[in-house]
Amino acid sequence: MSENKIPYKIYLSEDEMPKAWYNLRADMTNKPAPLLNPGTLRPMTREELDGVFCDELVKQELDDTTPYFEIPQEIRDFYKMYRPSPLVRAYCLEEKLQTPAKIYYKFEGNNTSGSHKLNSAIAQAYYAKKQGLKGVPTETGAGQWGTALSMACSYLGLDCKVYMVKCSYEQKPFRREVMRTYGASVTPSPSNTTAVGRKILAEHPDTTGSLGCAISEAVEVATSHPGYRYVLGSVLNQVLLHQSVIGLECKTALDKYGVKPDVIIGCAGGGSNLGGLIAPFMGEKLRGEADYRFIAVEPASCPSLTRGKYAYDFCDTGMVCPLAKMYTLGSGFIPSANHAGGLRYHGMSSTLSQLYADGYMEATSVEQTKVFEAAEYFARVEGILPAPESSHAIRVAIDEALKCKETGEEKTILFGLTGTGYFDLVAYQKFNDGAMTDYIPTDEDIAASLAQLPKVE
């Protein structure tokens, strides 16, 4: 099909929406290492995980052989409120950059939560409701996951308890108020409401919090209150499974127009967006059916892939969760409060970590002032104010397009626009006022945190 027939926005019909999630692990020769019991250092059993997660989600978490999981009709019906999401050809950006590259982005911000997080939030809330639970505690960093889960729980009539990283709680009061509008209780983390929170505050009274701290508190609440189970917005295999709707829709839309991306770029914190975007494309690469270049983009202030260690580590700061083998900065690593966006997690999805270790994808880190330069440029050119998280991918997509300008290569670039930045205006204000600075942890900072890794043979 000729280029001038490719529309600015490619929409799928409801009938073209995915009817099953794709489990990328089924096509991996080297499977992600199993979660370990922190007491015995043996692989976690289904029975042990049942006390933390919903029963059906435990099945999804542990299954690395079933390629597809049918999406229940009730979840598909909910998806129809905001899916399929558009795949956009960034003609205006291409023109401004004067690049021969063709740029596409998958826009996941067209729902009230403002991000891709709702794809997994409704799935996890659905299985909790189906199991007859009362509610779900969770953590949130920048607030997108907490917002999405509060929406899903409100829709299904579940209690939602959100532990929000303290610096985000203070920097993003309106994100907090959206959660409360949907009926969630929101607590800045670390807090005095849990034993682990009190312990962290006693040791670090001035801490601004981290995702690892918030996870510890949410897990404690889940495991100490009957009728509650913990849910997580990223990192876990089950979350990447649900987020595969992003990549599946994307691939269907590109296939309709005979477009094959050369480079696929996603921001990387815990891995949910990146894993969801690349899933079907990576599956083709693993099966030897096609080849793509994948780039994970992370903040220079929390660089787990590019500067972390591939090792077993606790998933939380309080060291109460299972151990996961992943690229990690150490569960005690707390990103600088100067870091304006999400992507605050100390480790990376075990699935993506294994793929990175095996050489199937690349990783790079970028400073936040450069991220916001790209965000502002994109907003002025494409008309969408992007989330800081998404803007990490925008930064590298622009850089790749400019390389094509230099070399004359006509590459096709695809990136994930995970959400909007309308609740991130404090950060935009700092950037516009020239008050935003970059903080990059020193080798000594990271080494001190990694020195606390658990000893696993």
Protein backbone atom coordinates (compact mmCIF):
# COMPACT_ATOMS: atom_id res chain seq x y z
CA MET A 1 0.00 0.00 0.00
CA SER A 2 1.38 3.44 -0.91
CA GLU A 3 2.54 5.72 1.85
CA ASN A 4 0.01 8.47 1.16
CA LYS A 5 -2.81 6.03 1.95
CA ILE A 6 -1.63 5.44 5.51
CA PRO A 7 -3.84 7.63 7.73
CA TYR A 8 -2.63 9.77 10.59
CA LYS A 9 -4.49 7.53 13.01
CA ILE A 10 -5.09 3.85 12.43
CA TYR A 11 -8.08 2.56 14.36
CA LEU A 12 -9.11 -1.07 14.62
CA SER A 13 -12.72 -2.14 14.86
CA GLU A 14 -14.06 -3.79 18.01
CA ASP A 15 -14.02 -7.10 16.16
CA GLU A 16 -10.28 -6.72 15.57
CA MET A 17 -9.46 -6.30 19.25
CA PRO A 18 -7.44 -9.16 20.77
CA LYS A 19 -9.52 -11.97 22.22
CA ALA A 20 -6.56 -13.49 24.05
CA TRP A 21 -3.48 -12.20 25.82
CA TYR A 22 -0.13 -13.40 24.47
CA ASN A 23 2.30 -15.04 26.90
CA LEU A 24 5.76 -14.14 25.59
CA ARG A 25 7.44 -16.60 27.95
CA ALA A 26 5.98 -19.53 25.97
CA ASP A 27 8.35 -18.72 23.09
CA MET A 28 11.45 -18.12 25.25
CA THR A 29 14.05 -20.88 25.18
CA ASN A 30 15.60 -19.51 28.36
CA LYS A 31 12.65 -19.02 30.69
CA PRO A 32 12.70 -16.32 33.36
CA ALA A 33 14.12 -17.63 36.63
CA PRO A 34 11.44 -18.57 39.19
CA LEU A 35 10.44 -16.47 42.18
CA LEU A 36 12.13 -17.74 45.34
CA ASN A 37 10.77 -18.06 48.85
CA PRO A 38 12.91 -15.62 50.88
CA GLY A 39 13.04 -18.06 53.81
CA THR A 40 13.86 -21.31 52.04
CA LEU A 41 15.36 -19.91 48.81
CA ARG A 42 13.32 -22.51 46.92
CA PRO A 43 10.94 -21.69 44.05
CA MET A 44 7.66 -20.29 45.28
CA THR A 45 4.80 -22.76 45.01
CA ARG A 46 1.30 -21.99 43.90
CA GLU A 47 0.08 -22.58 47.46
CA GLU A 48 2.55 -20.03 48.85
CA LEU A 49 1.60 -17.40 46.28
CA ASP A 50 -2.14 -17.98 46.79
CA GLY A 51 -1.83 -16.16 50.11
CA VAL A 52 -0.58 -13.03 48.36
CA PHE A 53 -2.23 -12.93 44.90
CA CYS A 54 -5.63 -13.93 43.50
CA ASP A 55 -5.85 -17.60 42.52
CA GLU A 56 -6.24 -17.04 38.76
CA LEU A 57 -3.40 -14.51 38.72
CA VAL A 58 -1.10 -17.04 40.40
CA LYS A 59 -1.82 -19.46 37.54
CA GLN A 60 -0.93 -16.77 35.01
CA GLU A 61 2.19 -15.80 36.95
CA LEU A 62 3.62 -19.32 37.00
CA ASP A 63 2.63 -20.51 33.52
CA ASP A 64 5.51 -20.13 31.05
CA THR A 65 4.30 -22.64 28.44
CA THR A 66 0.75 -21.62 27.47
CA PRO A 67 1.06 -19.13 24.59
CA TYR A 68 -2.40 -17.56 24.83
CA PHE A 69 -4.87 -16.85 27.65
CA GLU A 70 -8.43 -16.08 26.63
CA ILE A 71 -9.58 -12.62 27.76
CA PRO A 72 -12.87 -13.02 29.66
CA GLN A 73 -15.83 -11.38 27.95
CA GLU A 74 -16.43 -9.06 30.91
CA ILE A 75 -12.90 -7.66 30.58
CA ARG A 76 -13.24 -7.32 26.80
CA ASP A 77 -16.46 -5.39 27.32
CA PHE A 78 -14.68 -3.04 29.74
CA TYR A 79 -11.81 -2.62 27.28
CA LYS A 80 -14.31 -1.38 24.68
CA MET A 81 -14.75 1.82 26.71
CA TYR A 82 -11.29 2.96 25.60
CA ARG A 83 -9.90 0.29 23.28
CA PRO A 84 -8.79 -0.28 20.65
CA SER A 85 -6.37 2.61 21.15
CA PRO A 86 -5.03 4.49 18.11
CA LEU A 87 -1.77 3.85 16.33
CA VAL A 88 -0.60 7.24 15.09
CA ARG A 89 1.70 8.07 12.19
CA ALA A 90 3.69 11.07 13.44
CA TYR A 91 3.70 12.93 10.12
CA CYS A 92 4.10 16.32 11.83
CA LEU A 93 7.08 15.13 13.87
CA GLU A 94 8.70 13.63 10.77
CA GLU A 95 8.27 16.92 8.91
CA LYS A 96 9.70 19.04 11.74
CA LEU A 97 12.70 16.76 12.11
CA GLN A 98 13.19 16.61 8.33
CA THR A 99 13.99 12.92 8.70
CA PRO A 100 13.51 10.16 6.14
CA ALA A 101 12.42 7.92 9.03
CA LYS A 102 8.78 6.94 9.37
CA ILE A 103 7.60 7.33 12.97
CA TYR A 104 4.61 5.64 14.59
CA TYR A 105 3.41 5.70 18.17
CA LYS A 106 0.81 3.65 20.02
CA PHE A 107 -1.20 6.06 22.20
CA GLU A 108 -2.45 4.57 25.47
CA GLY A 109 -3.57 7.78 27.19
CA ASN A 110 -7.16 7.95 25.94
CA ASN A 111 -8.81 6.96 29.22
CA THR A 112 -9.38 8.77 32.52
CA SER A 113 -6.45 7.06 34.21
CA GLY A 114 -4.32 8.63 31.49
CA SER A 115 -2.15 5.60 30.82
CA HIS A 116 -1.83 1.97 29.76
CA LYS A 117 -2.15 0.78 33.36
CA LEU A 118 -5.91 0.24 33.08
CA ASN A 119 -5.31 -2.77 30.81
CA SER A 120 -4.03 -4.81 33.76
CA ALA A 121 -5.95 -3.02 36.52
CA ILE A 122 -9.32 -4.19 35.24
CA ALA A 123 -8.02 -7.73 34.76
CA GLN A 124 -6.62 -7.98 38.28
CA ALA A 125 -9.70 -6.39 39.83
CA TYR A 126 -11.94 -8.74 37.83
CA TYR A 127 -10.20 -11.86 39.14
CA ALA A 128 -10.32 -10.48 42.70
CA LYS A 129 -14.06 -9.88 42.39
CA LYS A 130 -14.62 -13.28 40.82
CA GLN A 131 -12.83 -14.86 43.77
CA GLY A 132 -15.19 -13.11 46.17
CA LEU A 133 -12.58 -10.84 47.76
CA LYS A 134 -13.36 -7.60 49.59
CA GLY A 135 -10.56 -5.50 48.19
CA VAL A 136 -6.99 -5.04 47.00
CA PRO A 137 -4.09 -3.02 48.42
CA THR A 138 -1.43 -1.76 46.03
CA GLU A 139 1.42 0.70 45.54
CA THR A 140 1.80 3.50 43.03
CA GLY A 141 4.77 5.60 42.00
CA ALA A 142 3.82 8.49 39.73
CA GLY A 143 0.16 7.64 40.28
CA GLN A 144 -0.97 6.12 36.98
CA TRP A 145 -1.35 2.61 38.40
CA GLY A 146 -3.16 3.80 41.51
CA THR A 147 -5.54 5.83 39.38
CA ALA A 148 -6.21 2.92 37.05
CA LEU A 149 -6.80 0.45 39.87
CA SER A 150 -9.11 2.84 41.72
CA MET A 151 -11.19 3.12 38.53
CA ALA A 152 -11.35 -0.64 38.08
CA CYS A 153 -12.23 -1.27 41.73
CA SER A 154 -14.92 1.40 41.67
CA TYR A 155 -16.46 -0.22 38.59
CA LEU A 156 -16.50 -3.65 40.26
CA GLY A 157 -17.34 -2.57 43.80
CA LEU A 158 -14.03 -3.48 45.47
CA ASP A 159 -12.20 -1.66 48.24
CA CYS A 160 -8.95 -0.13 46.98
CA LYS A 161 -6.08 0.87 49.28
CA VAL A 162 -3.23 2.73 47.61
CA TYR A 163 0.22 3.38 49.09
CA MET A 164 1.69 6.23 47.05
CA VAL A 165 5.41 7.06 47.01
CA LYS A 166 5.70 10.06 49.34
CA CYS A 167 7.40 12.48 46.95
CA SER A 168 4.77 11.76 44.27
CA TYR A 169 1.99 12.11 46.86
CA GLU A 170 3.28 15.59 47.60
CA GLN A 171 4.14 16.59 44.01
CA LYS A 172 0.94 15.29 42.42
CA PRO A 173 -2.04 16.17 44.65
CA PHE A 174 -4.50 16.09 41.76
CA ARG A 175 -3.55 12.56 40.78
CA ARG A 176 -4.22 11.65 44.40
CA GLU A 177 -7.63 13.34 44.25
CA VAL A 178 -8.65 11.38 41.16
CA MET A 179 -7.99 8.18 43.10
CA ARG A 180 -10.06 9.45 46.01
CA THR A 181 -12.83 10.47 43.61
CA TYR A 182 -13.02 6.82 42.55
CA GLY A 183 -13.28 5.77 46.20
CA ALA A 184 -9.71 4.69 46.97
CA SER A 185 -7.89 5.47 50.20
CA VAL A 186 -4.47 6.97 49.46
CA THR A 187 -1.59 6.91 51.96
CA PRO A 188 1.86 8.47 51.46
CA SER A 189 4.58 5.81 51.74
CA PRO A 190 6.44 5.03 53.88
CA SER A 191 3.78 5.56 56.54
CA ASN A 192 3.05 4.85 60.18
CA THR A 193 0.09 2.65 59.26
CA THR A 194 2.17 -0.51 58.81
CA ALA A 195 4.94 -2.22 60.75
CA VAL A 196 7.27 -2.17 57.75
CA GLY A 197 6.53 1.50 57.12
CA ARG A 198 7.35 2.39 60.72
CA LYS A 199 10.60 0.41 60.48
CA ILE A 200 11.66 2.22 57.31
CA LEU A 201 10.82 5.61 58.83
CA ALA A 202 12.78 4.78 61.98
CA GLU A 203 15.85 3.98 59.90
CA HIS A 204 15.35 6.75 57.32
CA PRO A 205 13.14 9.46 58.88
CA ASP A 206 13.62 11.92 56.00
CA THR A 207 13.09 9.44 53.17
CA THR A 208 11.00 10.54 50.21
CA GLY A 209 9.96 6.95 49.61
CA SER A 210 10.33 4.49 46.78
CA LEU A 211 8.20 1.99 44.93
CA GLY A 212 9.92 -0.75 46.93
CA CYS A 213 8.78 0.88 50.20
CA ALA A 214 5.19 1.21 48.97
CA ILE A 215 5.12 -2.42 47.81
CA SER A 216 6.21 -3.60 51.27
CA GLU A 217 3.37 -1.71 52.92
CA ALA A 218 0.73 -2.90 50.47
CA VAL A 219 1.82 -6.53 50.81
CA GLU A 220 1.68 -6.30 54.61
CA VAL A 221 -1.89 -5.00 54.45
CA ALA A 222 -2.91 -7.69 51.96
CA THR A 223 -1.49 -10.56 53.99
CA SER A 224 -2.82 -9.33 57.34
CA HIS A 225 -6.43 -8.60 56.34
CA PRO A 226 -8.81 -11.48 55.48
CA GLY A 227 -10.53 -11.07 52.12
CA TYR A 228 -7.73 -9.00 50.60
CA ARG A 229 -5.03 -9.85 48.06
CA TYR A 230 -2.15 -7.78 46.77
CA VAL A 231 -2.04 -6.50 43.20
CA LEU A 232 0.94 -4.98 41.37
CA GLY A 233 1.02 -2.61 38.40
CA SER A 234 4.22 -3.74 36.72
CA VAL A 235 7.18 -6.16 36.88
CA LEU A 236 5.19 -9.40 37.29
CA ASN A 237 4.66 -11.89 34.47
CA GLN A 238 0.88 -11.60 34.81
CA VAL A 239 1.05 -7.83 34.23
CA LEU A 240 3.14 -8.18 31.07
CA LEU A 241 0.61 -10.77 29.91
CA HIS A 242 -2.32 -8.35 30.28
CA GLN A 243 -0.39 -5.52 28.66
CA SER A 244 0.21 -7.61 25.54
CA VAL A 245 -3.04 -6.10 24.21
CA ILE A 246 -0.93 -3.04 23.35
CA GLY A 247 1.45 -4.90 21.08
CA LEU A 248 -1.21 -7.21 19.65
CA GLU A 249 -3.37 -4.27 18.57
CA CYS A 250 -0.30 -2.48 17.28
CA LYS A 251 0.82 -5.39 15.15
CA THR A 252 -2.67 -5.94 13.71
CA ALA A 253 -2.85 -2.27 12.72
CA LEU A 254 0.60 -2.26 11.11
CA ASP A 255 -0.07 -5.53 9.29
CA LYS A 256 -3.21 -4.02 7.73
CA TYR A 257 -1.01 -1.49 5.95
CA GLY A 258 1.96 -3.73 5.29
CA VAL A 259 4.21 -1.81 7.67
CA LYS A 260 7.08 -3.53 9.49
CA PRO A 261 8.96 -1.53 12.15
CA ASP A 262 12.74 -1.64 12.21
CA VAL A 263 13.12 -0.18 15.69
CA ILE A 264 10.68 -0.55 18.62
CA ILE A 265 11.22 1.73 21.62
CA GLY A 266 9.59 1.79 25.04
CA CYS A 267 10.18 3.44 28.39
CA ALA A 268 11.28 0.99 31.07
CA GLY A 269 10.61 1.14 34.79
CA GLY A 270 9.30 -2.20 35.96
CA GLY A 271 8.58 -3.36 32.41
CA SER A 272 4.80 -3.41 31.92
CA ASN A 273 4.54 -0.98 29.00
CA LEU A 274 7.71 -2.13 27.28
CA GLY A 275 6.83 -5.80 27.69
CA GLY A 276 3.30 -5.25 26.41
CA LEU A 277 4.40 -3.23 23.39
CA ILE A 278 7.11 -5.58 22.19
CA ALA A 279 5.43 -8.90 23.05
CA PRO A 280 4.18 -10.12 19.64
CA PHE A 281 7.16 -8.64 17.81
CA MET A 282 9.60 -10.26 20.22
CA GLY A 283 7.68 -13.51 19.80
CA GLU A 284 8.38 -13.39 16.06
CA LYS A 285 12.05 -12.73 16.74
CA LEU A 286 12.28 -15.62 19.20
CA ARG A 287 10.62 -17.97 16.69
CA GLY A 288 12.96 -16.82 13.91
CA GLU A 289 10.10 -15.39 11.82
CA ALA A 290 11.28 -11.76 11.75
CA ASP A 291 13.92 -9.48 13.20
CA TYR A 292 13.52 -6.21 15.05
CA ARG A 293 15.70 -3.91 17.11
CA PHE A 294 14.26 -3.30 20.60
CA ILE A 295 15.38 -0.41 22.83
CA ALA A 296 14.45 -0.09 26.50
CA VAL A 297 14.78 3.49 27.77
CA GLU A 298 15.19 4.16 31.47
CA PRO A 299 15.91 7.25 33.59
CA ALA A 300 19.55 7.96 34.36
CA SER A 301 18.48 8.44 37.98
CA CYS A 302 17.19 4.85 38.28
CA PRO A 303 19.20 2.80 35.72
CA SER A 304 18.52 -0.83 36.61
CA LEU A 305 19.26 -2.34 33.17
CA THR A 306 22.21 -0.17 32.23
CA ARG A 307 23.97 -0.02 35.61
CA GLY A 308 22.33 -2.68 37.76
CA LYS A 309 23.33 -6.27 38.43
CA TYR A 310 21.56 -9.37 37.12
CA ALA A 311 20.91 -11.23 40.34
CA TYR A 312 18.24 -12.43 42.73
CA ASP A 313 16.92 -9.59 44.85
CA PHE A 314 13.94 -8.71 47.00
CA CYS A 315 11.06 -7.14 45.11
CA ASP A 316 10.50 -4.66 47.94
CA THR A 317 12.46 -2.48 50.35
CA GLY A 318 11.00 -4.17 53.44
CA MET A 319 12.29 -7.55 52.22
CA VAL A 320 9.00 -9.35 52.78
CA CYS A 321 8.25 -10.25 49.14
CA PRO A 322 9.66 -13.16 47.13
CA LEU A 323 13.07 -12.90 45.50
CA ALA A 324 13.14 -12.32 41.75
CA LYS A 325 16.12 -12.70 39.42
CA MET A 326 16.32 -9.41 37.61
CA TYR A 327 18.51 -6.48 36.75
CA THR A 328 18.48 -4.57 40.02
CA LEU A 329 20.02 -1.63 41.82
CA GLY A 330 19.30 -3.27 45.16
CA SER A 331 15.97 -3.27 47.00
CA GLY A 332 17.21 -0.52 49.29
CA PHE A 333 17.92 1.87 46.40
CA ILE A 334 15.77 4.99 46.61
CA PRO A 335 15.77 7.29 43.57
CA SER A 336 16.43 10.97 44.16
CA ALA A 337 13.33 13.05 44.95
CA ASN A 338 14.57 15.25 42.10
CA HIS A 339 13.35 12.54 39.70
CA ALA A 340 10.13 13.98 38.28
CA GLY A 341 8.42 10.99 36.68
CA GLY A 342 7.56 7.40 37.44
CA LEU A 343 9.97 4.63 36.45
CA ARG A 344 11.15 4.53 40.06
CA TYR A 345 11.43 0.79 40.60
CA HIS A 346 14.80 -0.60 41.68
CA GLY A 347 14.55 -3.66 39.41
CA MET A 348 13.27 -4.82 36.04
CA SER A 349 10.78 -7.51 35.05
CA SER A 350 12.36 -10.96 35.20
CA THR A 351 11.05 -11.68 31.69
CA LEU A 352 12.63 -8.55 30.21
CA SER A 353 15.77 -9.08 32.28
CA GLN A 354 16.22 -12.54 30.76
CA LEU A 355 15.67 -11.20 27.24
CA TYR A 356 18.18 -8.42 27.86
CA ALA A 357 20.72 -10.85 29.32
CA ASP A 358 20.31 -13.06 26.26
CA GLY A 359 20.95 -10.13 23.90
CA TYR A 360 17.48 -9.81 22.39
CA MET A 361 17.15 -6.12 23.25
CA GLU A 362 19.21 -3.03 24.03
CA ALA A 363 18.95 -0.53 26.87
CA THR A 364 19.89 3.09 27.31
CA SER A 365 19.39 5.70 30.00
CA VAL A 366 18.60 9.40 29.61
CA GLU A 367 18.73 12.45 31.90
CA GLN A 368 15.42 14.05 32.78
CA THR A 369 16.21 17.51 31.37
CA LYS A 370 16.75 15.89 27.97
CA VAL A 371 13.53 13.91 28.49
CA PHE A 372 11.54 17.09 29.13
CA GLU A 373 13.14 18.83 26.15
CA ALA A 374 11.76 16.01 24.00
CA ALA A 375 8.40 16.12 25.81
CA GLU A 376 7.97 19.83 25.16
CA TYR A 377 9.03 19.47 21.53
CA PHE A 378 6.60 16.60 21.01
CA ALA A 379 3.74 18.54 22.65
CA ARG A 380 4.30 21.50 20.36
CA VAL A 381 4.56 19.38 17.22
CA GLU A 382 2.12 16.50 17.76
CA GLY A 383 -0.39 18.23 20.04
CA ILE A 384 -0.29 15.77 22.97
CA LEU A 385 1.25 16.63 26.33
CA PRO A 386 3.09 13.38 27.10
CA ALA A 387 3.71 11.79 30.48
CA PRO A 388 7.33 12.07 31.67
CA GLU A 389 7.58 8.27 31.54
CA SER A 390 6.50 8.16 27.88
CA SER A 391 8.86 11.00 27.09
CA HIS A 392 11.85 8.76 27.73
CA ALA A 393 10.78 6.78 24.66
CA ILE A 394 10.06 9.99 22.73
CA ARG A 395 13.60 11.21 23.47
CA VAL A 396 15.22 8.12 21.99
CA ALA A 397 12.75 7.94 19.08
CA ILE A 398 13.72 11.50 18.12
CA ASP A 399 17.40 10.64 18.48
CA GLU A 400 16.99 7.59 16.24
CA ALA A 401 15.08 9.67 13.66
CA LEU A 402 17.87 12.26 13.63
CA LYS A 403 20.43 9.50 13.05
CA CYS A 404 18.40 8.52 9.99
CA LYS A 405 18.57 12.14 8.87
CA GLU A 406 22.35 11.99 9.06
CA THR A 407 22.70 8.66 7.27
CA GLY A 408 19.76 8.93 4.88
CA GLU A 409 18.33 5.61 6.08
CA GLU A 410 14.56 5.25 5.78
CA LYS A 411 13.90 3.27 8.93
CA THR A 412 10.48 2.75 10.46
CA ILE A 413 10.38 3.63 14.15
CA LEU A 414 7.64 2.57 16.56
CA PHE A 415 7.41 3.78 20.16
CA GLY A 416 4.95 3.55 22.99
CA LEU A 417 3.21 6.72 24.16
CA THR A 418 2.08 5.30 27.47
CA GLY A 419 0.01 8.22 28.69
CA THR A 420 -0.60 11.93 29.12
CA GLY A 421 1.20 14.41 31.36
CA TYR A 422 -1.62 16.61 32.59
CA PHE A 423 -1.04 15.54 36.20
CA ASP A 424 2.69 16.21 35.85
CA LEU A 425 2.52 19.97 35.48
CA VAL A 426 4.64 20.63 38.58
CA ALA A 427 7.49 18.90 36.77
CA TYR A 428 6.76 20.79 33.56
CA GLN A 429 6.74 24.02 35.60
CA LYS A 430 10.18 23.21 37.02
CA PHE A 431 11.47 22.54 33.52
CA ASN A 432 9.97 25.74 32.11
CA ASP A 433 11.35 27.77 35.02
CA GLY A 434 14.82 26.34 34.47
CA ALA A 435 14.73 24.81 37.93
CA MET A 436 14.93 21.18 36.84
CA THR A 437 18.29 19.51 37.31
CA ASP A 438 19.69 16.07 36.62
CA TYR A 439 20.72 13.65 39.31
CA ILE A 440 22.70 10.57 38.38
CA PRO A 441 23.64 8.15 41.18
CA THR A 442 27.36 7.63 41.63
CA ASP A 443 29.04 4.26 41.25
CA GLU A 444 29.53 4.36 45.03
CA ASP A 445 25.77 4.90 45.61
CA ILE A 446 24.89 1.90 43.49
CA ALA A 447 27.68 -0.28 44.88
CA ALA A 448 26.50 0.40 48.43
CA SER A 449 22.98 -0.67 47.54
CA LEU A 450 24.12 -3.76 45.62
CA ALA A 451 26.26 -4.81 48.56
CA GLN A 452 23.03 -5.60 50.39
CA LEU A 453 21.82 -8.14 47.81
CA PRO A 454 20.72 -11.44 49.36
CA LYS A 455 23.16 -14.33 49.07
CA VAL A 456 21.62 -16.83 46.66
CA GLU A 457 23.65 -19.72 45.25
